[in-house]
């Protein structure tokens, strides 16, 4: 479909979506469209109607204040400089309580 905003949005991010996110993004688009959204999004994205229905159920069952999902493993990332140099805090005159 030419100039289909749903198809354009979806194709621009499709490379980064795993199966779960594909159906959730498609379901979000269908929900935003309202009546007829599931069929329209299915045609625009190639995601099955069944998968969009599953995504809508996931959106409905999703808690409003979820525990954030980690991107990195626990302990990954840069260490605090105070851990790398234990004398740093005392050298700066900072007292820990």
C-alpha atoms as a PDB file:
ATOM      1  CA  UNK A   1       0.000   0.000   0.000  1.00  0.00           C
ATOM      2  CA  UNK A   2       1.380   3.330  -0.999  1.00  0.00           C
ATOM      3  CA  UNK A   3       1.677   6.039   1.667  1.00  0.00           C
ATOM      4  CA  UNK A   4       0.451   3.703   4.394  1.00  0.00           C
ATOM      5  CA  UNK A   5       1.775   5.231   7.636  1.00  0.00           C
ATOM      6  CA  UNK A   6       1.408   1.964   9.575  1.00  0.00           C
ATOM      7  CA  UNK A   7       3.432   0.070   6.970  1.00  0.00           C
ATOM      8  CA  UNK A   8       6.087   2.813   6.918  1.00  0.00           C
ATOM      9  CA  UNK A   9       6.433   2.882  10.721  1.00  0.00           C
ATOM     10  CA  UNK A  10       6.524  -0.875  10.983  1.00  0.00           C
ATOM     11  CA  UNK A  11       9.036  -1.400   8.184  1.00  0.00           C
ATOM     12  CA  UNK A  12      11.377   1.208   9.668  1.00  0.00           C
ATOM     13  CA  UNK A  13      11.672  -0.722  12.957  1.00  0.00           C
ATOM     14  CA  UNK A  14      10.967  -4.306  11.853  1.00  0.00           C
ATOM     15  CA  UNK A  15      14.669  -5.185  11.827  1.00  0.00           C
ATOM     16  CA  UNK A  16      14.872  -4.592  15.598  1.00  0.00           C
ATOM     17  CA  UNK A  17      11.749  -6.498  16.618  1.00  0.00           C
ATOM     18  CA  UNK A  18      11.717 -10.028  17.933  1.00  0.00           C
ATOM     19  CA  UNK A  19       8.546 -12.118  17.668  1.00  0.00           C
ATOM     20  CA  UNK A  20       7.053 -10.800  20.922  1.00  0.00           C
ATOM     21  CA  UNK A  21       7.711  -7.152  20.118  1.00  0.00           C
ATOM     22  CA  UNK A  22       6.368  -7.589  16.568  1.00  0.00           C
ATOM     23  CA  UNK A  23       2.975  -8.635  17.881  1.00  0.00           C
ATOM     24  CA  UNK A  24       2.946  -5.970  20.617  1.00  0.00           C
ATOM     25  CA  UNK A  25       3.817  -3.158  18.191  1.00  0.00           C
ATOM     26  CA  UNK A  26       1.233  -4.441  15.711  1.00  0.00           C
ATOM     27  CA  UNK A  27      -1.353  -4.699  18.500  1.00  0.00           C
ATOM     28  CA  UNK A  28      -0.588  -1.147  19.632  1.00  0.00           C
ATOM     29  CA  UNK A  29      -1.142   0.124  16.100  1.00  0.00           C
ATOM     30  CA  UNK A  30      -4.402  -1.842  15.814  1.00  0.00           C
ATOM     31  CA  UNK A  31      -5.612  -0.509  19.150  1.00  0.00           C
ATOM     32  CA  UNK A  32      -4.797   3.070  18.125  1.00  0.00           C
ATOM     33  CA  UNK A  33      -6.760   2.681  14.875  1.00  0.00           C
ATOM     34  CA  UNK A  34      -9.811   1.260  16.613  1.00  0.00           C
ATOM     35  CA  UNK A  35     -12.560  -0.493  14.663  1.00  0.00           C
ATOM     36  CA  UNK A  36     -11.078  -2.440  11.746  1.00  0.00           C
ATOM     37  CA  UNK A  37      -7.564  -1.887  13.068  1.00  0.00           C
ATOM     38  CA  UNK A  38      -6.637  -5.552  13.355  1.00  0.00           C
ATOM     39  CA  UNK A  39      -7.402  -6.266   9.696  1.00  0.00           C
ATOM     40  CA  UNK A  40      -5.775  -3.061   8.523  1.00  0.00           C
ATOM     41  CA  UNK A  41      -2.578  -3.630  10.496  1.00  0.00           C
ATOM     42  CA  UNK A  42      -2.438  -7.255   9.415  1.00  0.00           C
ATOM     43  CA  UNK A  43      -2.578  -6.225   5.750  1.00  0.00           C
ATOM     44  CA  UNK A  44      -0.037  -3.424   6.253  1.00  0.00           C
ATOM     45  CA  UNK A  45       2.531  -5.356   8.267  1.00  0.00           C
ATOM     46  CA  UNK A  46       2.093  -9.000   7.330  1.00  0.00           C
ATOM     47  CA  UNK A  47       1.569  -9.909  11.004  1.00  0.00           C
ATOM     48  CA  UNK A  48      -1.242 -12.444  11.319  1.00  0.00           C
ATOM     49  CA  UNK A  49      -4.558 -11.460  12.851  1.00  0.00           C
ATOM     50  CA  UNK A  50      -4.061 -14.229  15.413  1.00  0.00           C
ATOM     51  CA  UNK A  51      -0.715 -12.736  16.488  1.00  0.00           C
ATOM     52  CA  UNK A  52      -2.282  -9.264  16.763  1.00  0.00           C
ATOM     53  CA  UNK A  53      -5.061 -10.684  18.958  1.00  0.00           C
ATOM     54  CA  UNK A  54      -2.395 -12.299  21.157  1.00  0.00           C
ATOM     55  CA  UNK A  55      -0.589  -8.947  21.335  1.00  0.00           C
ATOM     56  CA  UNK A  56      -3.786  -7.171  22.357  1.00  0.00           C
ATOM     57  CA  UNK A  57      -4.245  -9.698  25.155  1.00  0.00           C
ATOM     58  CA  UNK A  58      -0.657  -9.097  26.293  1.00  0.00           C
ATOM     59  CA  UNK A  59      -1.268  -5.345  26.300  1.00  0.00           C
ATOM     60  CA  UNK A  60      -4.468  -5.802  28.301  1.00  0.00           C
ATOM     61  CA  UNK A  61      -2.873  -8.168  30.844  1.00  0.00           C
ATOM     62  CA  UNK A  62       0.296  -6.095  31.201  1.00  0.00           C
ATOM     63  CA  UNK A  63       0.636  -4.459  34.635  1.00  0.00           C
ATOM     64  CA  UNK A  64       0.603  -0.662  34.589  1.00  0.00           C
ATOM     65  CA  UNK A  65       3.743  -0.374  36.740  1.00  0.00           C
ATOM     66  CA  UNK A  66       5.927  -3.248  35.593  1.00  0.00           C
ATOM     67  CA  UNK A  67       9.323  -4.135  36.905  1.00  0.00           C
ATOM     68  CA  UNK A  68      11.715  -2.747  34.308  1.00  0.00           C
ATOM     69  CA  UNK A  69      13.299  -5.340  32.058  1.00  0.00           C
ATOM     70  CA  UNK A  70      17.074  -5.339  32.135  1.00  0.00           C
ATOM     71  CA  UNK A  71      18.947  -4.734  28.912  1.00  0.00           C
ATOM     72  CA  UNK A  72      22.349  -5.557  30.362  1.00  0.00           C
ATOM     73  CA  UNK A  73      23.279  -8.428  32.604  1.00  0.00           C
ATOM     74  CA  UNK A  74      23.509  -7.569  36.309  1.00  0.00           C
ATOM     75  CA  UNK A  75      26.968  -6.195  37.004  1.00  0.00           C
ATOM     76  CA  UNK A  76      27.564  -5.133  33.418  1.00  0.00           C
ATOM     77  CA  UNK A  77      28.676  -1.638  32.573  1.00  0.00           C
ATOM     78  CA  UNK A  78      31.327   0.648  33.940  1.00  0.00           C
ATOM     79  CA  UNK A  79      32.291   0.227  37.570  1.00  0.00           C
ATOM     80  CA  UNK A  80      32.094   3.167  39.952  1.00  0.00           C
ATOM     81  CA  UNK A  81      35.380   5.026  40.157  1.00  0.00           C
ATOM     82  CA  UNK A  82      35.241   4.770  43.942  1.00  0.00           C
ATOM     83  CA  UNK A  83      35.316   0.970  43.557  1.00  0.00           C
ATOM     84  CA  UNK A  84      38.338   1.114  41.265  1.00  0.00           C
ATOM     85  CA  UNK A  85      40.224   3.452  43.643  1.00  0.00           C
ATOM     86  CA  UNK A  86      39.152   2.748  47.237  1.00  0.00           C
ATOM     87  CA  UNK A  87      41.250   5.636  48.631  1.00  0.00           C
ATOM     88  CA  UNK A  88      39.600   8.219  46.354  1.00  0.00           C
ATOM     89  CA  UNK A  89      36.845   9.199  48.772  1.00  0.00           C
ATOM     90  CA  UNK A  90      39.245   9.756  51.683  1.00  0.00           C
ATOM     91  CA  UNK A  91      41.705  11.598  49.402  1.00  0.00           C
ATOM     92  CA  UNK A  92      38.881  13.985  48.464  1.00  0.00           C
ATOM     93  CA  UNK A  93      37.944  14.424  52.123  1.00  0.00           C
ATOM     94  CA  UNK A  94      34.516  12.819  51.729  1.00  0.00           C
ATOM     95  CA  UNK A  95      33.365  10.902  54.794  1.00  0.00           C
ATOM     96  CA  UNK A  96      31.009   7.983  54.319  1.00  0.00           C
ATOM     97  CA  UNK A  97      28.437   7.388  56.996  1.00  0.00           C
END
